[in-house]
């Protein structure tokens, strides 16, 4: 049976979280000026690279320390910036290979589903935070074409070097799986997702794929994504989650705890730390309705989520509220 037909049926209902306390908002109807790739430097200059909120002592937020997924005897996973950056620097050279092998290549399908759900407003830029080696940013670039600038940001320089090399390779010798991203390159820059170097209301969409759980403060990361998103724009999160189907959930947890670390160690020639971290970070990260609540608390509205592949991964979408009393923005595209 084809995976796309099992997991991608349009007949599946999205689960929607819409508290009555949060009114729907509407835009002013004014079309904002598009910011093209040539203007990226101006964006970087107009907003400082650091902010007081960036300095933190604890590596987890209060709500993560009391998560239901976390056994009382298990210590919160260490998501300090230095630890996470160094970990990804070590695994960067074989990061893509390991992702495809360990997910049986299903991670490509998950990103394809995320790109299909992207809702566009105009020709304003799109930002992919925690972009890693750039797979989602490049896929978005292929979809939107040269008229919409795409920026991928990450705080690990080693991962960004691979993203740039990947883009150069795709543009010079494309094949069936590596088509040119856009006529103009996707721009990759080093930035912390907790303190993005962009002014508010800049991007028509802000995305993150398998990176939000690595952010030291999840709430701060969501707040920054919302801040730089334009009113009426979309915030999208693609992240691992915990299956709920009995039997399958236990098999999934056993694979994460016992098989994945050994395969990862053999491929990366590294200790098991990175893959123990993966297992713990997924198990302790808020998923489903709990992440929806966090997105709403960050200022988003019309938040919904859709599990993929039995709940192994989930796509969450939310929108930045629009000015009340104006004409509502109608996004282009976006597939439920």
Protein backbone atom coordinates (compact mmCIF):
# COMPACT_ATOMS: atom_id res chain seq x y z
CA UNK A 1 0.00 0.00 0.00
CA UNK A 2 1.42 3.39 -0.95
CA UNK A 3 2.53 5.45 2.03
CA UNK A 4 1.11 8.65 0.58
CA UNK A 5 -2.33 7.09 0.37
CA UNK A 6 -2.18 5.75 3.91
CA UNK A 7 -0.82 8.88 5.59
CA UNK A 8 -1.71 11.61 3.12
CA UNK A 9 -5.40 11.08 2.61
CA UNK A 10 -7.37 14.30 2.32
CA UNK A 11 -10.14 12.60 4.20
CA UNK A 12 -8.23 12.90 7.50
CA UNK A 13 -9.61 15.58 9.81
CA UNK A 14 -7.25 18.14 11.30
CA UNK A 15 -7.56 18.65 15.05
CA UNK A 16 -8.19 22.31 15.72
CA UNK A 17 -7.57 24.21 18.93
CA UNK A 18 -9.49 27.52 19.01
CA UNK A 19 -10.09 28.86 22.54
CA UNK A 20 -13.12 31.09 22.91
CA UNK A 21 -10.97 33.51 24.87
CA UNK A 22 -8.96 34.36 21.73
CA UNK A 23 -10.92 36.40 19.16
CA UNK A 24 -10.23 35.95 15.49
CA UNK A 25 -8.47 39.00 14.11
CA UNK A 26 -8.55 40.57 10.69
CA UNK A 27 -6.04 42.56 8.64
CA UNK A 28 -6.08 46.17 7.61
CA UNK A 29 -6.07 45.21 3.96
CA UNK A 30 -2.89 47.14 3.23
CA UNK A 31 -0.47 45.17 1.10
CA UNK A 32 2.99 45.28 2.71
CA UNK A 33 6.07 45.99 0.65
CA UNK A 34 7.87 42.81 -0.44
CA UNK A 35 11.42 42.38 0.84
CA UNK A 36 13.58 40.73 -1.79
CA UNK A 37 16.86 38.87 -1.44
CA UNK A 38 18.85 42.05 -2.05
CA UNK A 39 17.31 43.52 1.09
CA UNK A 40 18.43 40.81 3.48
CA UNK A 41 21.45 42.83 4.60
CA UNK A 42 19.15 45.71 5.51
CA UNK A 43 17.10 43.33 7.66
CA UNK A 44 20.20 42.21 9.52
CA UNK A 45 21.30 45.76 10.22
CA UNK A 46 17.87 46.93 11.38
CA UNK A 47 17.63 44.53 14.32
CA UNK A 48 20.36 43.70 16.92
CA UNK A 49 21.85 40.22 17.00
CA UNK A 50 21.33 39.87 20.71
CA UNK A 51 18.66 40.77 23.19
CA UNK A 52 18.32 40.64 27.00
CA UNK A 53 15.93 37.70 26.66
CA UNK A 54 18.77 35.68 25.13
CA UNK A 55 20.59 35.28 28.45
CA UNK A 56 19.27 32.27 30.35
CA UNK A 57 20.52 30.15 33.24
CA UNK A 58 18.21 27.15 33.05
CA UNK A 59 18.17 25.04 29.86
CA UNK A 60 14.48 24.18 30.07
CA UNK A 61 11.38 26.23 30.61
CA UNK A 62 9.19 25.66 33.65
CA UNK A 63 6.47 23.92 31.65
CA UNK A 64 8.97 21.50 30.13
CA UNK A 65 10.26 20.54 33.59
CA UNK A 66 6.77 19.38 34.55
CA UNK A 67 5.82 17.68 31.28
CA UNK A 68 3.55 14.61 31.46
CA UNK A 69 5.84 12.71 29.03
CA UNK A 70 8.74 12.85 31.49
CA UNK A 71 8.95 10.20 34.22
CA UNK A 72 9.42 11.65 37.69
CA UNK A 73 12.86 10.00 37.99
CA UNK A 74 14.20 11.25 34.63
CA UNK A 75 16.26 14.41 34.55
CA UNK A 76 15.37 17.03 31.93
CA UNK A 77 17.50 16.69 28.81
CA UNK A 78 20.38 19.16 28.65
CA UNK A 79 19.52 21.62 25.86
CA UNK A 80 22.16 24.20 26.70
CA UNK A 81 23.29 26.04 23.59
CA UNK A 82 26.94 25.03 23.84
CA UNK A 83 26.03 21.34 24.23
CA UNK A 84 23.55 21.30 21.33
CA UNK A 85 25.81 23.30 19.00
CA UNK A 86 28.79 21.05 19.67
CA UNK A 87 26.70 17.92 19.24
CA UNK A 88 25.43 18.98 15.82
CA UNK A 89 28.91 20.10 14.80
CA UNK A 90 30.13 16.55 15.42
CA UNK A 91 27.34 14.82 13.49
CA UNK A 92 27.07 17.40 10.67
CA UNK A 93 29.13 15.52 8.03
CA UNK A 94 26.78 12.53 8.04
CA UNK A 95 23.63 14.18 9.32
CA UNK A 96 21.64 13.81 6.08
CA UNK A 97 22.68 10.19 5.50
CA UNK A 98 21.72 9.23 9.03
CA UNK A 99 18.36 11.00 8.84
CA UNK A 100 17.39 9.21 5.64
CA UNK A 101 18.56 5.80 6.83
CA UNK A 102 17.12 6.00 10.33
CA UNK A 103 13.73 7.22 9.07
CA UNK A 104 13.71 4.80 6.11
CA UNK A 105 13.64 7.93 3.91
CA UNK A 106 10.22 8.92 5.28
CA UNK A 107 11.65 12.26 6.44
CA UNK A 108 11.55 13.38 2.79
CA UNK A 109 7.82 12.65 2.71
CA UNK A 110 7.23 14.58 5.92
CA UNK A 111 8.97 17.66 4.51
CA UNK A 112 6.98 17.33 1.28
CA UNK A 113 3.78 17.35 3.30
CA UNK A 114 4.95 20.44 5.19
CA UNK A 115 5.73 22.32 1.98
CA UNK A 116 2.29 21.47 0.59
CA UNK A 117 0.68 23.05 3.67
CA UNK A 118 2.59 26.30 3.28
CA UNK A 119 0.11 29.18 2.96
CA UNK A 120 1.46 32.19 1.03
CA UNK A 121 0.21 35.77 1.29
CA UNK A 122 2.35 37.80 -1.12
CA UNK A 123 5.95 38.06 -2.32
CA UNK A 124 7.41 38.74 1.11
CA UNK A 125 10.28 36.51 2.25
CA UNK A 126 9.96 33.17 4.04
CA UNK A 127 12.17 32.18 6.98
CA UNK A 128 13.15 28.63 7.97
CA UNK A 129 14.70 28.61 11.45
CA UNK A 130 16.90 25.80 12.79
CA UNK A 131 17.39 25.01 9.11
CA UNK A 132 20.29 22.59 9.71
CA UNK A 133 21.52 21.33 6.35
CA UNK A 134 18.79 23.25 4.56
CA UNK A 135 16.44 20.54 3.30
CA UNK A 136 13.20 22.35 4.14
CA UNK A 137 14.46 25.79 3.03
CA UNK A 138 15.57 24.40 -0.33
CA UNK A 139 12.29 22.55 -0.78
CA UNK A 140 10.37 25.76 -0.05
CA UNK A 141 12.56 27.59 -2.56
CA UNK A 142 11.66 25.08 -5.25
CA UNK A 143 7.98 25.58 -4.56
CA UNK A 144 7.80 29.38 -4.40
CA UNK A 145 10.21 30.14 -7.25
CA UNK A 146 12.56 33.11 -7.72
CA UNK A 147 9.99 35.80 -6.87
CA UNK A 148 9.93 34.98 -3.14
CA UNK A 149 13.18 35.18 -1.12
CA UNK A 150 13.82 32.25 1.22
CA UNK A 151 16.19 32.49 4.19
CA UNK A 152 17.47 29.58 6.26
CA UNK A 153 18.95 30.33 9.68
CA UNK A 154 20.77 28.12 12.16
CA UNK A 155 23.17 28.68 15.05
CA UNK A 156 25.52 25.85 13.98
CA UNK A 157 27.99 27.00 11.35
CA UNK A 158 29.03 23.43 10.46
CA UNK A 159 25.46 22.57 9.45
CA UNK A 160 25.13 25.76 7.38
CA UNK A 161 28.32 24.99 5.45
CA UNK A 162 26.75 21.70 4.38
CA UNK A 163 23.53 23.52 3.43
CA UNK A 164 25.46 25.92 1.19
CA UNK A 165 27.44 23.08 -0.39
CA UNK A 166 24.22 21.18 -1.00
CA UNK A 167 22.65 24.16 -2.72
CA UNK A 168 25.71 24.66 -4.93
CA UNK A 169 25.67 20.98 -5.86
CA UNK A 170 21.97 21.04 -6.70
CA UNK A 171 22.36 24.11 -8.89
CA UNK A 172 25.38 22.83 -10.80
CA UNK A 173 24.41 19.20 -11.38
CA UNK A 174 20.71 18.65 -10.61
CA UNK A 175 19.20 15.21 -10.80
CA UNK A 176 15.72 13.82 -10.18
CA UNK A 177 15.93 14.43 -6.44
CA UNK A 178 18.08 17.55 -6.44
CA UNK A 179 16.42 20.07 -8.76
CA UNK A 180 17.71 23.65 -8.68
CA UNK A 181 16.25 25.43 -5.67
CA UNK A 182 15.48 28.76 -7.34
CA UNK A 183 16.99 31.04 -9.97
CA UNK A 184 18.51 33.03 -7.09
CA UNK A 185 20.00 31.10 -4.17
CA UNK A 186 18.32 30.50 -0.85
CA UNK A 187 20.28 32.58 1.66
CA UNK A 188 21.72 30.82 4.69
CA UNK A 189 22.86 32.77 7.74
CA UNK A 190 24.01 31.98 11.26
CA UNK A 191 21.50 33.16 13.86
CA UNK A 192 20.01 32.03 17.16
CA UNK A 193 16.31 31.24 16.88
CA UNK A 194 15.79 32.69 20.38
CA UNK A 195 17.04 36.10 19.23
CA UNK A 196 16.44 36.42 15.49
CA UNK A 197 18.22 39.33 13.74
CA UNK A 198 15.11 40.56 11.95
CA UNK A 199 12.54 43.27 12.69
CA UNK A 200 9.00 42.33 13.62
CA UNK A 201 6.38 41.60 10.93
CA UNK A 202 8.93 40.68 8.24
CA UNK A 203 8.11 37.20 6.91
CA UNK A 204 4.90 35.88 5.37
CA UNK A 205 5.74 32.42 6.75
CA UNK A 206 8.14 31.12 9.38
CA UNK A 207 8.90 27.40 9.48
CA UNK A 208 10.96 24.93 11.49
CA UNK A 209 11.51 21.22 10.83
CA UNK A 210 12.81 18.91 13.55
CA UNK A 211 14.57 21.80 15.30
CA UNK A 212 12.17 23.34 17.78
CA UNK A 213 12.79 20.66 20.41
CA UNK A 214 16.52 21.57 20.29
CA UNK A 215 15.90 25.21 21.20
CA UNK A 216 16.96 25.93 24.78
CA UNK A 217 13.68 27.70 25.58
CA UNK A 218 10.80 26.39 23.47
CA UNK A 219 8.52 29.25 24.45
CA UNK A 220 11.11 31.86 23.55
CA UNK A 221 11.66 30.18 20.17
CA UNK A 222 7.93 30.19 19.40
CA UNK A 223 7.64 33.81 20.51
CA UNK A 224 10.46 34.85 18.17
CA UNK A 225 8.92 32.98 15.24
CA UNK A 226 5.65 34.79 15.91
CA UNK A 227 7.37 38.17 16.31
CA UNK A 228 9.09 38.13 12.91
CA UNK A 229 5.99 36.73 11.14
CA UNK A 230 3.71 39.24 9.41
CA UNK A 231 0.14 39.69 10.66
CA UNK A 232 -1.94 37.06 8.89
CA UNK A 233 1.19 35.04 8.14
CA UNK A 234 1.71 31.38 8.93
CA UNK A 235 3.96 29.73 11.51
CA UNK A 236 4.61 26.04 10.81
CA UNK A 237 6.32 23.44 12.97
CA UNK A 238 7.25 19.95 11.75
CA UNK A 239 8.48 17.89 14.67
CA UNK A 240 8.83 14.36 16.00
CA UNK A 241 6.03 13.25 18.31
CA UNK A 242 5.02 10.22 20.32
CA UNK A 243 2.67 7.70 18.71
CA UNK A 244 -0.42 6.89 20.74
CA UNK A 245 -1.46 3.62 19.07
CA UNK A 246 -0.93 0.74 21.56
CA UNK A 247 1.75 -1.66 20.39
CA UNK A 248 3.14 0.72 17.80
CA UNK A 249 4.02 3.23 20.53
CA UNK A 250 5.98 0.60 22.49
CA UNK A 251 7.78 -0.59 19.33
CA UNK A 252 8.68 3.01 18.47
CA UNK A 253 10.05 3.71 21.96
CA UNK A 254 12.09 0.49 21.92
CA UNK A 255 13.59 1.42 18.54
CA UNK A 256 14.50 4.90 19.77
CA UNK A 257 16.01 3.60 23.01
CA UNK A 258 17.97 0.59 21.75
CA UNK A 259 18.36 0.48 17.96
CA UNK A 260 18.77 4.09 16.90
CA UNK A 261 21.74 4.90 19.20
CA UNK A 262 23.71 1.88 17.94
CA UNK A 263 23.08 2.67 14.27
CA UNK A 264 23.91 6.31 14.86
CA UNK A 265 27.13 5.44 16.63
CA UNK A 266 28.24 3.20 13.75
CA UNK A 267 27.43 5.80 11.10
CA UNK A 268 28.77 8.85 12.90
CA UNK A 269 31.79 7.17 14.50
CA UNK A 270 30.81 9.08 17.56
CA UNK A 271 29.61 8.16 21.01
CA UNK A 272 25.94 7.45 21.64
CA UNK A 273 25.32 10.84 23.21
CA UNK A 274 23.71 12.46 20.17
CA UNK A 275 21.23 9.64 19.71
CA UNK A 276 20.48 9.27 23.41
CA UNK A 277 19.76 12.99 23.23
CA UNK A 278 17.41 12.43 20.27
CA UNK A 279 15.45 9.79 22.16
CA UNK A 280 15.21 11.88 25.33
CA UNK A 281 14.42 15.14 23.57
CA UNK A 282 11.55 13.58 21.63
CA UNK A 283 10.17 11.86 24.73
CA UNK A 284 10.26 15.05 26.81
CA UNK A 285 9.09 17.51 24.16
CA UNK A 286 5.45 18.65 24.37
CA UNK A 287 3.47 17.26 21.45
CA UNK A 288 -0.13 17.31 20.26
CA UNK A 289 -2.46 19.53 22.31
CA UNK A 290 0.34 20.57 24.68
CA UNK A 291 2.41 22.13 21.88
CA UNK A 292 -0.77 23.73 20.52
CA UNK A 293 -1.22 25.41 23.92
CA UNK A 294 2.34 26.71 23.76
CA UNK A 295 1.78 28.13 20.26
CA UNK A 296 -1.38 29.89 21.42
CA UNK A 297 0.51 31.27 24.43
CA UNK A 298 3.15 32.60 22.02
CA UNK A 299 0.46 34.72 20.34
CA UNK A 300 -0.78 32.53 17.49
CA UNK A 301 -4.38 31.90 16.54
CA UNK A 302 -6.19 29.28 14.41
CA UNK A 303 -3.69 26.67 15.58
CA UNK A 304 -4.14 23.10 14.35
CA UNK A 305 -2.07 19.94 14.10
CA UNK A 306 -1.97 16.85 11.91
CA UNK A 307 -0.13 13.62 12.88
CA UNK A 308 1.87 11.83 10.18
CA UNK A 309 2.88 8.16 9.89
CA UNK A 310 0.98 6.99 12.93
CA UNK A 311 2.03 9.99 15.00
CA UNK A 312 5.81 9.58 14.56
CA UNK A 313 5.87 13.16 13.27
CA UNK A 314 3.33 15.98 13.42
CA UNK A 315 2.75 19.20 11.47
CA UNK A 316 1.49 22.17 13.51
CA UNK A 317 0.25 25.37 11.90
CA UNK A 318 -0.76 28.68 13.43
CA UNK A 319 -1.26 32.25 12.25
CA UNK A 320 -0.20 35.60 13.62
CA UNK A 321 -3.29 37.63 14.56
CA UNK A 322 -4.35 40.36 12.14
CA UNK A 323 -5.57 43.86 13.00
CA UNK A 324 -9.21 43.76 14.07
CA UNK A 325 -11.77 45.33 11.74
CA UNK A 326 -9.88 45.08 8.45
CA UNK A 327 -10.23 42.88 5.40
CA UNK A 328 -8.96 39.41 6.10
CA UNK A 329 -5.86 38.18 4.24
CA UNK A 330 -6.59 35.21 1.98
CA UNK A 331 -3.52 32.93 1.73
CA UNK A 332 -2.57 31.31 -1.59
CA UNK A 333 -1.99 27.59 -1.56
CA UNK A 334 -1.76 25.47 1.53
CA UNK A 335 -3.19 21.96 1.51
CA UNK A 336 -4.99 20.53 4.50
